[in-house]
Amino acid sequence: MSSEPDVEPPPRLFRFSAWVPWTALVAAVLALAWVTLQGMMLRTELVTLSTELRLAQLSLKDAQQRREADRILGQYRRDPAALKVFLLAAPHAGSPPVLAAVTWNSGTQEGVFVAQNLPPPASGQVYRLWAVDPQYPHPVVAGVIGADPQTGAAHSAVKPSQPLPAAVKFLVSLERQDGESAPAGPIVLASP
């Protein structure tokens, strides 16, 4: 009997073609994960930038109102006799303690509203300042009050929609944002 040596089968060659689909799949999954992560980061950055823009707009508006109020108060310093100060308080017991005042000059028809501890209005609502003058049957719009949502501080120029030669009282009401020609919402502050 002849003995033939055991022949080992040739080693199997690495089959690259079998790994190509798996490599492509892994690459696609990694690419998808990277794109998703980038999208989430961009969305977060967009929200942050939108918030920063809104804060910058509020700061600009506050600075403009303060500058206007300082200009008006400068006029009062020249003629203190024309200056009237109206202190405003909540008309109902149990209301939050808000400190507010209107400084008014009937000669220039300008004034300044300041307040502390003014709670933020509900969504879609604003605080509206009204002036009571006996020559008009209804209070006259004197401005919209913007308050800092964190501190409740407000500082706004008072510019009535009609001349007020004899303003005797000021009111603040909570109104719809789109505006009213007479107080329709609840009166939250009033001078005596």
N, C-alpha and C. Protein backbone atom coordinates (compact mmCIF):
# COMPACT_ATOMS: atom_id res chain seq x y z
N MET A 1 0.83 -1.12 0.00
CA MET A 1 0.00 0.00 0.00
C MET A 1 0.89 1.21 0.00
N SER A 2 0.46 2.04 -0.78
CA SER A 2 1.30 3.23 -0.86
C SER A 2 0.73 4.26 0.09
N SER A 3 1.58 4.77 0.62
CA SER A 3 1.13 5.77 1.58
C SER A 3 1.37 7.15 0.99
N GLU A 4 0.31 7.74 0.86
CA GLU A 4 0.41 9.11 0.36
C GLU A 4 0.39 10.05 1.55
N PRO A 5 1.21 11.02 1.46
CA PRO A 5 1.22 11.95 2.60
C PRO A 5 -0.12 12.68 2.67
N ASP A 6 -0.49 12.95 3.87
CA ASP A 6 -1.73 13.72 4.05
C ASP A 6 -1.51 15.13 3.50
N VAL A 7 -2.39 15.44 2.66
CA VAL A 7 -2.27 16.78 2.05
C VAL A 7 -3.28 17.69 2.77
N GLU A 8 -2.73 18.74 3.23
CA GLU A 8 -3.61 19.72 3.90
C GLU A 8 -4.25 20.59 2.84
N PRO A 9 -5.49 20.88 3.07
CA PRO A 9 -6.13 21.76 2.10
C PRO A 9 -5.44 23.12 2.14
N PRO A 10 -5.43 23.82 1.04
CA PRO A 10 -4.77 25.13 1.04
C PRO A 10 -5.51 26.08 2.00
N PRO A 11 -4.76 26.93 2.65
CA PRO A 11 -5.43 27.85 3.58
C PRO A 11 -6.42 28.74 2.83
N ARG A 12 -7.47 29.01 3.52
CA ARG A 12 -8.51 29.83 2.91
C ARG A 12 -8.04 31.27 2.85
N LEU A 13 -8.13 31.82 1.74
CA LEU A 13 -7.72 33.20 1.58
C LEU A 13 -8.79 34.12 2.17
N PHE A 14 -8.33 35.22 2.70
CA PHE A 14 -9.25 36.23 3.25
C PHE A 14 -10.12 36.74 2.11
N ARG A 15 -11.40 36.65 2.34
CA ARG A 15 -12.30 37.09 1.28
C ARG A 15 -12.76 38.51 1.59
N PHE A 16 -12.11 39.43 0.96
CA PHE A 16 -12.37 40.85 1.18
C PHE A 16 -13.79 41.21 0.74
N SER A 17 -14.24 40.59 -0.30
CA SER A 17 -15.55 40.94 -0.83
C SER A 17 -16.67 40.66 0.17
N ALA A 18 -16.51 39.77 1.12
CA ALA A 18 -17.55 39.48 2.11
C ALA A 18 -17.63 40.58 3.18
N TRP A 19 -16.55 41.29 3.40
CA TRP A 19 -16.51 42.33 4.43
C TRP A 19 -16.94 43.69 3.91
N VAL A 20 -16.98 43.89 2.64
CA VAL A 20 -17.31 45.20 2.08
C VAL A 20 -18.70 45.68 2.52
N PRO A 21 -19.76 44.86 2.41
CA PRO A 21 -21.08 45.35 2.84
C PRO A 21 -21.12 45.71 4.33
N TRP A 22 -20.46 44.89 5.16
CA TRP A 22 -20.46 45.17 6.59
C TRP A 22 -19.71 46.46 6.91
N THR A 23 -18.62 46.69 6.24
CA THR A 23 -17.85 47.91 6.43
C THR A 23 -18.67 49.13 6.00
N ALA A 24 -19.35 49.00 4.89
CA ALA A 24 -20.19 50.09 4.40
C ALA A 24 -21.33 50.37 5.38
N LEU A 25 -21.92 49.32 5.95
CA LEU A 25 -22.99 49.48 6.91
C LEU A 25 -22.51 50.21 8.16
N VAL A 26 -21.37 49.80 8.69
CA VAL A 26 -20.81 50.44 9.88
C VAL A 26 -20.50 51.91 9.58
N ALA A 27 -19.92 52.17 8.41
CA ALA A 27 -19.60 53.56 8.03
C ALA A 27 -20.88 54.39 7.93
N ALA A 28 -21.93 53.82 7.36
CA ALA A 28 -23.20 54.55 7.22
C ALA A 28 -23.81 54.83 8.59
N VAL A 29 -23.76 53.86 9.50
CA VAL A 29 -24.29 54.06 10.86
C VAL A 29 -23.51 55.15 11.58
N LEU A 30 -22.18 55.11 11.46
CA LEU A 30 -21.36 56.15 12.09
C LEU A 30 -21.64 57.53 11.49
N ALA A 31 -21.80 57.59 10.18
CA ALA A 31 -22.10 58.86 9.52
C ALA A 31 -23.46 59.39 9.97
N LEU A 32 -24.45 58.50 10.07
CA LEU A 32 -25.77 58.90 10.53
C LEU A 32 -25.72 59.42 11.97
N ALA A 33 -24.99 58.73 12.83
CA ALA A 33 -24.84 59.17 14.22
C ALA A 33 -24.17 60.54 14.27
N TRP A 34 -23.15 60.77 13.45
CA TRP A 34 -22.46 62.05 13.44
C TRP A 34 -23.38 63.17 12.96
N VAL A 35 -24.15 62.91 11.89
CA VAL A 35 -25.08 63.91 11.36
C VAL A 35 -26.16 64.23 12.39
N THR A 36 -26.68 63.20 13.07
CA THR A 36 -27.69 63.41 14.11
C THR A 36 -27.14 64.25 15.24
N LEU A 37 -25.94 63.95 15.69
CA LEU A 37 -25.29 64.72 16.75
C LEU A 37 -25.09 66.17 16.33
N GLN A 38 -24.64 66.38 15.09
CA GLN A 38 -24.44 67.74 14.59
C GLN A 38 -25.77 68.49 14.54
N GLY A 39 -26.83 67.82 14.11
CA GLY A 39 -28.15 68.44 14.06
C GLY A 39 -28.63 68.84 15.44
N MET A 40 -28.43 67.98 16.43
CA MET A 40 -28.83 68.31 17.80
C MET A 40 -28.03 69.50 18.33
N MET A 41 -26.74 69.52 18.02
CA MET A 41 -25.91 70.63 18.48
C MET A 41 -26.35 71.94 17.81
N LEU A 42 -26.70 71.89 16.52
CA LEU A 42 -27.16 73.09 15.83
C LEU A 42 -28.50 73.58 16.38
N ARG A 43 -29.40 72.63 16.69
CA ARG A 43 -30.68 73.03 17.28
C ARG A 43 -30.48 73.69 18.63
N THR A 44 -29.61 73.14 19.45
CA THR A 44 -29.32 73.72 20.76
C THR A 44 -28.71 75.12 20.60
N GLU A 45 -27.81 75.26 19.65
CA GLU A 45 -27.20 76.56 19.41
C GLU A 45 -28.24 77.57 18.91
N LEU A 46 -29.17 77.13 18.08
CA LEU A 46 -30.22 78.01 17.59
C LEU A 46 -31.10 78.50 18.73
N VAL A 47 -31.48 77.60 19.63
CA VAL A 47 -32.30 77.99 20.79
C VAL A 47 -31.53 78.99 21.66
N THR A 48 -30.25 78.73 21.88
CA THR A 48 -29.43 79.63 22.69
C THR A 48 -29.32 80.99 22.04
N LEU A 49 -29.06 81.02 20.73
CA LEU A 49 -28.94 82.30 20.03
C LEU A 49 -30.27 83.05 20.00
N SER A 50 -31.37 82.34 19.85
CA SER A 50 -32.69 82.98 19.87
C SER A 50 -32.96 83.61 21.23
N THR A 51 -32.62 82.90 22.29
CA THR A 51 -32.80 83.44 23.64
C THR A 51 -31.92 84.65 23.86
N GLU A 52 -30.66 84.58 23.42
CA GLU A 52 -29.76 85.72 23.57
C GLU A 52 -30.25 86.92 22.77
N LEU A 53 -30.80 86.70 21.58
CA LEU A 53 -31.34 87.79 20.78
C LEU A 53 -32.51 88.45 21.50
N ARG A 54 -33.41 87.66 22.06
CA ARG A 54 -34.57 88.21 22.78
C ARG A 54 -34.11 89.02 23.99
N LEU A 55 -33.14 88.51 24.72
CA LEU A 55 -32.61 89.25 25.87
C LEU A 55 -31.95 90.55 25.43
N ALA A 56 -31.23 90.52 24.32
CA ALA A 56 -30.59 91.74 23.81
C ALA A 56 -31.65 92.76 23.39
N GLN A 57 -32.73 92.29 22.76
CA GLN A 57 -33.81 93.19 22.36
C GLN A 57 -34.47 93.82 23.58
N LEU A 58 -34.70 93.02 24.63
CA LEU A 58 -35.28 93.56 25.86
C LEU A 58 -34.35 94.57 26.52
N SER A 59 -33.06 94.28 26.52
CA SER A 59 -32.08 95.21 27.10
C SER A 59 -32.05 96.51 26.33
N LEU A 60 -32.11 96.43 25.00
CA LEU A 60 -32.12 97.63 24.18
C LEU A 60 -33.37 98.45 24.46
N LYS A 61 -34.52 97.81 24.52
CA LYS A 61 -35.77 98.52 24.79
C LYS A 61 -35.72 99.18 26.17
N ASP A 62 -35.19 98.45 27.16
CA ASP A 62 -35.06 99.01 28.50
C ASP A 62 -34.15 100.23 28.49
N ALA A 63 -33.02 100.15 27.78
CA ALA A 63 -32.08 101.27 27.72
C ALA A 63 -32.73 102.47 27.03
N GLN A 64 -33.49 102.24 25.97
CA GLN A 64 -34.17 103.34 25.29
C GLN A 64 -35.20 103.99 26.20
N GLN A 65 -35.96 103.18 26.94
CA GLN A 65 -36.96 103.74 27.84
C GLN A 65 -36.30 104.51 28.99
N ARG A 66 -35.19 104.00 29.49
CA ARG A 66 -34.48 104.72 30.56
C ARG A 66 -33.92 106.05 30.05
N ARG A 67 -33.38 106.04 28.83
CA ARG A 67 -32.86 107.28 28.26
C ARG A 67 -33.98 108.30 28.10
N GLU A 68 -35.14 107.85 27.60
CA GLU A 68 -36.28 108.74 27.43
C GLU A 68 -36.76 109.25 28.79
N ALA A 69 -36.81 108.38 29.77
CA ALA A 69 -37.23 108.79 31.11
C ALA A 69 -36.24 109.80 31.71
N ASP A 70 -34.95 109.57 31.52
CA ASP A 70 -33.95 110.53 32.00
C ASP A 70 -34.10 111.88 31.32
N ARG A 71 -34.41 111.88 30.04
CA ARG A 71 -34.63 113.14 29.32
C ARG A 71 -35.83 113.88 29.90
N ILE A 72 -36.89 113.14 30.16
CA ILE A 72 -38.10 113.77 30.72
C ILE A 72 -37.83 114.29 32.12
N LEU A 73 -37.14 113.50 32.93
CA LEU A 73 -36.83 113.95 34.29
C LEU A 73 -35.92 115.17 34.27
N GLY A 74 -35.05 115.28 33.28
CA GLY A 74 -34.20 116.46 33.14
C GLY A 74 -35.03 117.71 32.94
N GLN A 75 -36.15 117.60 32.23
CA GLN A 75 -37.05 118.74 32.06
C GLN A 75 -37.69 119.13 33.39
N TYR A 76 -37.99 118.15 34.23
CA TYR A 76 -38.59 118.44 35.52
C TYR A 76 -37.63 119.21 36.42
N ARG A 77 -36.36 118.89 36.30
CA ARG A 77 -35.37 119.58 37.14
C ARG A 77 -35.33 121.06 36.81
N ARG A 78 -35.63 121.42 35.56
CA ARG A 78 -35.64 122.83 35.17
C ARG A 78 -36.89 123.55 35.68
N ASP A 79 -38.01 122.83 35.80
CA ASP A 79 -39.26 123.45 36.25
C ASP A 79 -39.96 122.52 37.25
N PRO A 80 -39.47 122.48 38.51
CA PRO A 80 -40.05 121.53 39.46
C PRO A 80 -41.51 121.82 39.81
N ALA A 81 -42.00 123.04 39.61
CA ALA A 81 -43.39 123.35 39.94
C ALA A 81 -44.36 122.62 39.01
N ALA A 82 -43.91 122.29 37.81
CA ALA A 82 -44.79 121.60 36.86
C ALA A 82 -44.89 120.11 37.15
N LEU A 83 -44.10 119.64 38.06
CA LEU A 83 -44.01 118.21 38.35
C LEU A 83 -45.09 117.76 39.34
N LYS A 84 -45.81 116.69 38.99
CA LYS A 84 -46.77 116.05 39.89
C LYS A 84 -46.38 114.59 40.01
N VAL A 85 -46.48 114.05 41.21
CA VAL A 85 -46.17 112.65 41.45
C VAL A 85 -47.43 111.95 41.92
N PHE A 86 -47.78 110.88 41.24
CA PHE A 86 -48.95 110.07 41.59
C PHE A 86 -48.44 108.72 42.09
N LEU A 87 -48.75 108.38 43.32
CA LEU A 87 -48.40 107.07 43.85
C LEU A 87 -49.53 106.10 43.55
N LEU A 88 -49.17 104.93 43.07
CA LEU A 88 -50.18 103.94 42.70
C LEU A 88 -50.09 102.74 43.65
N ALA A 89 -51.24 102.19 43.98
CA ALA A 89 -51.30 101.01 44.85
C ALA A 89 -52.38 100.07 44.32
N ALA A 90 -52.31 98.83 44.77
CA ALA A 90 -53.32 97.85 44.39
C ALA A 90 -54.66 98.25 45.02
N PRO A 91 -55.74 98.27 44.24
CA PRO A 91 -57.03 98.69 44.77
C PRO A 91 -57.71 97.68 45.68
N HIS A 92 -57.22 96.45 45.70
CA HIS A 92 -57.87 95.40 46.49
C HIS A 92 -56.91 94.90 47.56
N ALA A 93 -57.44 94.65 48.74
CA ALA A 93 -56.62 94.08 49.81
C ALA A 93 -56.21 92.66 49.41
N GLY A 94 -55.05 92.27 49.83
CA GLY A 94 -54.56 90.93 49.51
C GLY A 94 -53.82 90.85 48.19
N SER A 95 -53.74 91.95 47.46
CA SER A 95 -52.98 91.97 46.20
C SER A 95 -51.49 91.97 46.52
N PRO A 96 -50.65 91.52 45.58
CA PRO A 96 -49.21 91.53 45.83
C PRO A 96 -48.73 92.96 46.10
N PRO A 97 -47.74 93.13 46.99
CA PRO A 97 -47.25 94.48 47.30
C PRO A 97 -46.40 95.04 46.16
N VAL A 98 -46.97 95.97 45.42
CA VAL A 98 -46.27 96.60 44.30
C VAL A 98 -46.08 98.07 44.64
N LEU A 99 -44.86 98.55 44.47
CA LEU A 99 -44.57 99.97 44.65
C LEU A 99 -44.53 100.61 43.28
N ALA A 100 -45.36 101.64 43.04
CA ALA A 100 -45.41 102.26 41.72
C ALA A 100 -45.72 103.74 41.85
N ALA A 101 -45.21 104.50 40.87
CA ALA A 101 -45.46 105.95 40.84
C ALA A 101 -45.40 106.44 39.41
N VAL A 102 -46.16 107.50 39.15
CA VAL A 102 -46.10 108.20 37.88
C VAL A 102 -45.67 109.63 38.19
N THR A 103 -44.63 110.07 37.52
CA THR A 103 -44.20 111.46 37.61
C THR A 103 -44.71 112.11 36.33
N TRP A 104 -45.50 113.21 36.47
CA TRP A 104 -46.21 113.77 35.33
C TRP A 104 -45.98 115.27 35.24
N ASN A 105 -45.81 115.76 34.01
CA ASN A 105 -45.68 117.19 33.74
C ASN A 105 -46.75 117.55 32.73
N SER A 106 -47.79 118.26 33.18
CA SER A 106 -48.89 118.59 32.27
C SER A 106 -48.46 119.61 31.22
N GLY A 107 -47.43 120.41 31.51
CA GLY A 107 -46.94 121.39 30.53
C GLY A 107 -46.32 120.73 29.32
N THR A 108 -45.51 119.71 29.54
CA THR A 108 -44.85 119.02 28.42
C THR A 108 -45.62 117.78 27.96
N GLN A 109 -46.65 117.40 28.72
CA GLN A 109 -47.46 116.21 28.42
C GLN A 109 -46.60 114.95 28.36
N GLU A 110 -45.67 114.86 29.31
CA GLU A 110 -44.80 113.69 29.40
C GLU A 110 -44.68 113.28 30.86
N GLY A 111 -44.31 112.03 31.05
CA GLY A 111 -44.11 111.53 32.40
C GLY A 111 -43.28 110.27 32.39
N VAL A 112 -43.10 109.76 33.60
CA VAL A 112 -42.32 108.53 33.80
C VAL A 112 -43.10 107.64 34.76
N PHE A 113 -43.20 106.36 34.41
CA PHE A 113 -43.80 105.35 35.29
C PHE A 113 -42.67 104.48 35.81
N VAL A 114 -42.63 104.26 37.12
CA VAL A 114 -41.67 103.34 37.73
C VAL A 114 -42.42 102.42 38.68
N ALA A 115 -41.96 101.18 38.77
CA ALA A 115 -42.59 100.22 39.68
C ALA A 115 -41.57 99.19 40.12
N GLN A 116 -41.87 98.59 41.25
CA GLN A 116 -41.11 97.46 41.76
C GLN A 116 -42.09 96.36 42.13
N ASN A 117 -41.63 95.10 41.99
CA ASN A 117 -42.42 93.92 42.36
C ASN A 117 -43.67 93.73 41.50
N LEU A 118 -43.64 94.19 40.26
CA LEU A 118 -44.78 94.01 39.36
C LEU A 118 -44.72 92.59 38.79
N PRO A 119 -45.69 91.74 39.11
CA PRO A 119 -45.63 90.36 38.61
C PRO A 119 -45.76 90.33 37.09
N PRO A 120 -45.11 89.36 36.44
CA PRO A 120 -45.21 89.30 34.98
C PRO A 120 -46.64 88.99 34.54
N PRO A 121 -47.10 89.63 33.45
CA PRO A 121 -48.46 89.35 32.98
C PRO A 121 -48.53 87.97 32.34
N ALA A 122 -49.73 87.45 32.27
CA ALA A 122 -49.94 86.14 31.62
C ALA A 122 -49.64 86.27 30.13
N SER A 123 -49.42 85.16 29.49
CA SER A 123 -49.13 85.14 28.05
C SER A 123 -50.27 85.80 27.29
N GLY A 124 -49.93 86.68 26.35
CA GLY A 124 -50.93 87.36 25.55
C GLY A 124 -51.52 88.59 26.21
N GLN A 125 -50.99 88.95 27.38
CA GLN A 125 -51.50 90.12 28.09
C GLN A 125 -50.36 91.10 28.36
N VAL A 126 -50.73 92.37 28.56
CA VAL A 126 -49.76 93.42 28.90
C VAL A 126 -50.38 94.32 29.96
N TYR A 127 -49.49 95.03 30.66
CA TYR A 127 -49.96 96.07 31.56
C TYR A 127 -50.12 97.35 30.73
N ARG A 128 -51.26 98.01 30.86
CA ARG A 128 -51.49 99.25 30.14
C ARG A 128 -51.75 100.36 31.17
N LEU A 129 -51.08 101.49 30.97
CA LEU A 129 -51.24 102.65 31.85
C LEU A 129 -52.30 103.57 31.27
N TRP A 130 -53.18 104.06 32.13
CA TRP A 130 -54.28 104.93 31.73
C TRP A 130 -54.23 106.21 32.57
N ALA A 131 -54.62 107.33 31.98
CA ALA A 131 -54.72 108.60 32.70
C ALA A 131 -56.18 109.02 32.73
N VAL A 132 -56.61 109.50 33.89
CA VAL A 132 -57.99 109.98 34.05
C VAL A 132 -57.94 111.50 34.03
N ASP A 133 -58.66 112.08 33.08
CA ASP A 133 -58.78 113.53 32.95
C ASP A 133 -60.27 113.84 32.85
N PRO A 134 -60.78 114.79 33.64
CA PRO A 134 -62.23 115.06 33.64
C PRO A 134 -62.82 115.45 32.29
N GLN A 135 -62.00 115.93 31.36
CA GLN A 135 -62.57 116.35 30.07
C GLN A 135 -62.89 115.16 29.16
N TYR A 136 -62.46 113.95 29.53
CA TYR A 136 -62.73 112.77 28.70
C TYR A 136 -63.66 111.82 29.45
N PRO A 137 -64.61 111.18 28.73
CA PRO A 137 -65.54 110.26 29.41
C PRO A 137 -64.87 108.97 29.87
N HIS A 138 -63.77 108.58 29.21
CA HIS A 138 -63.06 107.34 29.56
C HIS A 138 -61.60 107.66 29.81
N PRO A 139 -60.91 106.81 30.57
CA PRO A 139 -59.47 107.00 30.74
C PRO A 139 -58.75 106.98 29.38
N VAL A 140 -57.65 107.72 29.32
CA VAL A 140 -56.86 107.85 28.09
C VAL A 140 -55.64 106.95 28.19
N VAL A 141 -55.32 106.23 27.10
CA VAL A 141 -54.14 105.38 27.08
C VAL A 141 -52.89 106.26 27.26
N ALA A 142 -52.05 105.87 28.22
CA ALA A 142 -50.83 106.64 28.49
C ALA A 142 -49.58 105.81 28.27
N GLY A 143 -49.72 104.55 27.91
CA GLY A 143 -48.55 103.74 27.61
C GLY A 143 -48.74 102.28 27.97
N VAL A 144 -47.81 101.48 27.47
CA VAL A 144 -47.76 100.06 27.80
C VAL A 144 -46.57 99.86 28.72
N ILE A 145 -46.76 99.13 29.80
CA ILE A 145 -45.73 98.94 30.81
C ILE A 145 -45.04 97.60 30.58
N GLY A 146 -43.74 97.64 30.43
CA GLY A 146 -42.95 96.43 30.34
C GLY A 146 -42.20 96.22 31.64
N ALA A 147 -42.33 95.06 32.24
CA ALA A 147 -41.67 94.78 33.52
C ALA A 147 -40.67 93.64 33.35
N ASP A 148 -39.59 93.72 34.08
CA ASP A 148 -38.59 92.65 34.08
C ASP A 148 -39.23 91.42 34.72
N PRO A 149 -39.26 90.27 34.02
CA PRO A 149 -39.95 89.10 34.57
C PRO A 149 -39.30 88.54 35.84
N GLN A 150 -38.01 88.76 36.03
CA GLN A 150 -37.33 88.23 37.23
C GLN A 150 -37.50 89.15 38.44
N THR A 151 -37.33 90.46 38.24
CA THR A 151 -37.34 91.38 39.37
C THR A 151 -38.65 92.12 39.55
N GLY A 152 -39.45 92.22 38.50
CA GLY A 152 -40.70 92.98 38.59
C GLY A 152 -40.48 94.47 38.47
N ALA A 153 -39.27 94.90 38.13
CA ALA A 153 -38.98 96.33 37.98
C ALA A 153 -39.49 96.83 36.63
N ALA A 154 -40.09 98.01 36.64
CA ALA A 154 -40.59 98.63 35.41
C ALA A 154 -40.17 100.08 35.41
N HIS A 155 -39.83 100.58 34.24
CA HIS A 155 -39.38 101.96 34.08
C HIS A 155 -39.75 102.36 32.66
N SER A 156 -40.83 103.14 32.48
CA SER A 156 -41.31 103.45 31.15
C SER A 156 -41.68 104.91 31.02
N ALA A 157 -41.51 105.43 29.82
CA ALA A 157 -41.96 106.78 29.53
C ALA A 157 -43.49 106.79 29.41
N VAL A 158 -44.10 107.88 29.87
CA VAL A 158 -45.56 108.03 29.79
C VAL A 158 -45.85 109.03 28.69
N LYS A 159 -46.54 108.58 27.66
CA LYS A 159 -46.91 109.43 26.55
C LYS A 159 -48.37 109.16 26.21
N PRO A 160 -49.27 110.00 26.68
CA PRO A 160 -50.70 109.76 26.45
C PRO A 160 -51.08 109.92 24.98
N SER A 161 -52.17 109.23 24.60
CA SER A 161 -52.64 109.28 23.22
C SER A 161 -53.40 110.57 22.93
N GLN A 162 -53.81 111.31 23.98
CA GLN A 162 -54.53 112.59 23.82
C GLN A 162 -53.97 113.57 24.86
N PRO A 163 -54.12 114.87 24.63
CA PRO A 163 -53.63 115.85 25.61
C PRO A 163 -54.37 115.70 26.94
N LEU A 164 -53.61 115.86 28.03
CA LEU A 164 -54.18 115.74 29.37
C LEU A 164 -53.87 117.00 30.17
N PRO A 165 -54.63 118.06 29.98
CA PRO A 165 -54.32 119.29 30.72
C PRO A 165 -54.58 119.18 32.22
N ALA A 166 -55.47 118.27 32.62
CA ALA A 166 -55.81 118.18 34.04
C ALA A 166 -55.87 116.73 34.50
N ALA A 167 -54.82 115.98 34.26
CA ALA A 167 -54.80 114.58 34.71
C ALA A 167 -54.92 114.55 36.22
N VAL A 168 -55.89 113.77 36.73
CA VAL A 168 -56.13 113.71 38.17
C VAL A 168 -55.84 112.33 38.76
N LYS A 169 -55.64 111.36 37.90
CA LYS A 169 -55.46 110.00 38.39
C LYS A 169 -54.81 109.15 37.31
N PHE A 170 -54.05 108.12 37.73
CA PHE A 170 -53.48 107.15 36.80
C PHE A 170 -53.88 105.75 37.26
N LEU A 171 -54.10 104.87 36.28
CA LEU A 171 -54.49 103.48 36.53
C LEU A 171 -53.59 102.56 35.72
N VAL A 172 -53.42 101.34 36.21
CA VAL A 172 -52.75 100.29 35.43
C VAL A 172 -53.70 99.11 35.40
N SER A 173 -53.98 98.64 34.19
CA SER A 173 -54.86 97.48 34.04
C SER A 173 -54.13 96.39 33.28
N LEU A 174 -54.62 95.19 33.41
CA LEU A 174 -54.10 94.03 32.70
C LEU A 174 -54.99 93.81 31.49
N GLU A 175 -54.42 93.98 30.29
CA GLU A 175 -55.21 93.96 29.06
C GLU A 175 -54.69 92.93 28.07
N ARG A 176 -55.53 92.63 27.07
CA ARG A 176 -55.07 91.81 25.96
C ARG A 176 -53.96 92.55 25.23
N GLN A 177 -53.07 91.83 24.63
CA GLN A 177 -51.91 92.43 23.98
C GLN A 177 -52.30 93.28 22.77
N ASP A 178 -53.40 92.95 22.10
CA ASP A 178 -53.77 93.67 20.88
C ASP A 178 -54.35 95.05 21.15
N GLY A 179 -54.63 95.40 22.39
CA GLY A 179 -55.00 96.78 22.72
C GLY A 179 -56.48 97.00 22.92
N GLU A 180 -56.74 98.01 23.69
CA GLU A 180 -58.11 98.42 24.01
C GLU A 180 -58.15 99.95 23.98
N SER A 181 -59.34 100.52 23.76
CA SER A 181 -59.48 101.98 23.79
C SER A 181 -59.93 102.46 25.17
N ALA A 182 -60.36 101.55 26.01
CA ALA A 182 -60.74 101.86 27.39
C ALA A 182 -60.38 100.64 28.22
N PRO A 183 -60.13 100.83 29.52
CA PRO A 183 -59.77 99.67 30.34
C PRO A 183 -60.85 98.59 30.29
N ALA A 184 -60.47 97.40 29.86
CA ALA A 184 -61.41 96.27 29.81
C ALA A 184 -61.02 95.20 30.82
N GLY A 185 -59.74 95.12 31.14
CA GLY A 185 -59.26 94.12 32.08
C GLY A 185 -59.30 94.64 33.50
N PRO A 186 -58.87 93.81 34.43
CA PRO A 186 -58.89 94.23 35.83
C PRO A 186 -57.87 95.36 36.10
N ILE A 187 -58.27 96.29 36.96
CA ILE A 187 -57.37 97.36 37.41
C ILE A 187 -56.48 96.77 38.50
N VAL A 188 -55.16 96.81 38.26
CA VAL A 188 -54.23 96.21 39.22
C VAL A 188 -53.54 97.26 40.07
N LEU A 189 -53.48 98.51 39.58
CA LEU A 189 -52.88 99.62 40.34
C LEU A 189 -53.69 100.89 40.06
N ALA A 190 -53.81 101.73 41.05
CA ALA A 190 -54.52 103.00 40.85
C ALA A 190 -53.99 104.03 41.84
N SER A 191 -53.97 105.30 41.39
CA SER A 191 -53.62 106.38 42.32
C SER A 191 -54.91 106.81 43.02
N PRO A 192 -54.80 107.37 44.20
CA PRO A 192 -56.01 107.79 44.93
C PRO A 192 -56.73 108.93 44.24
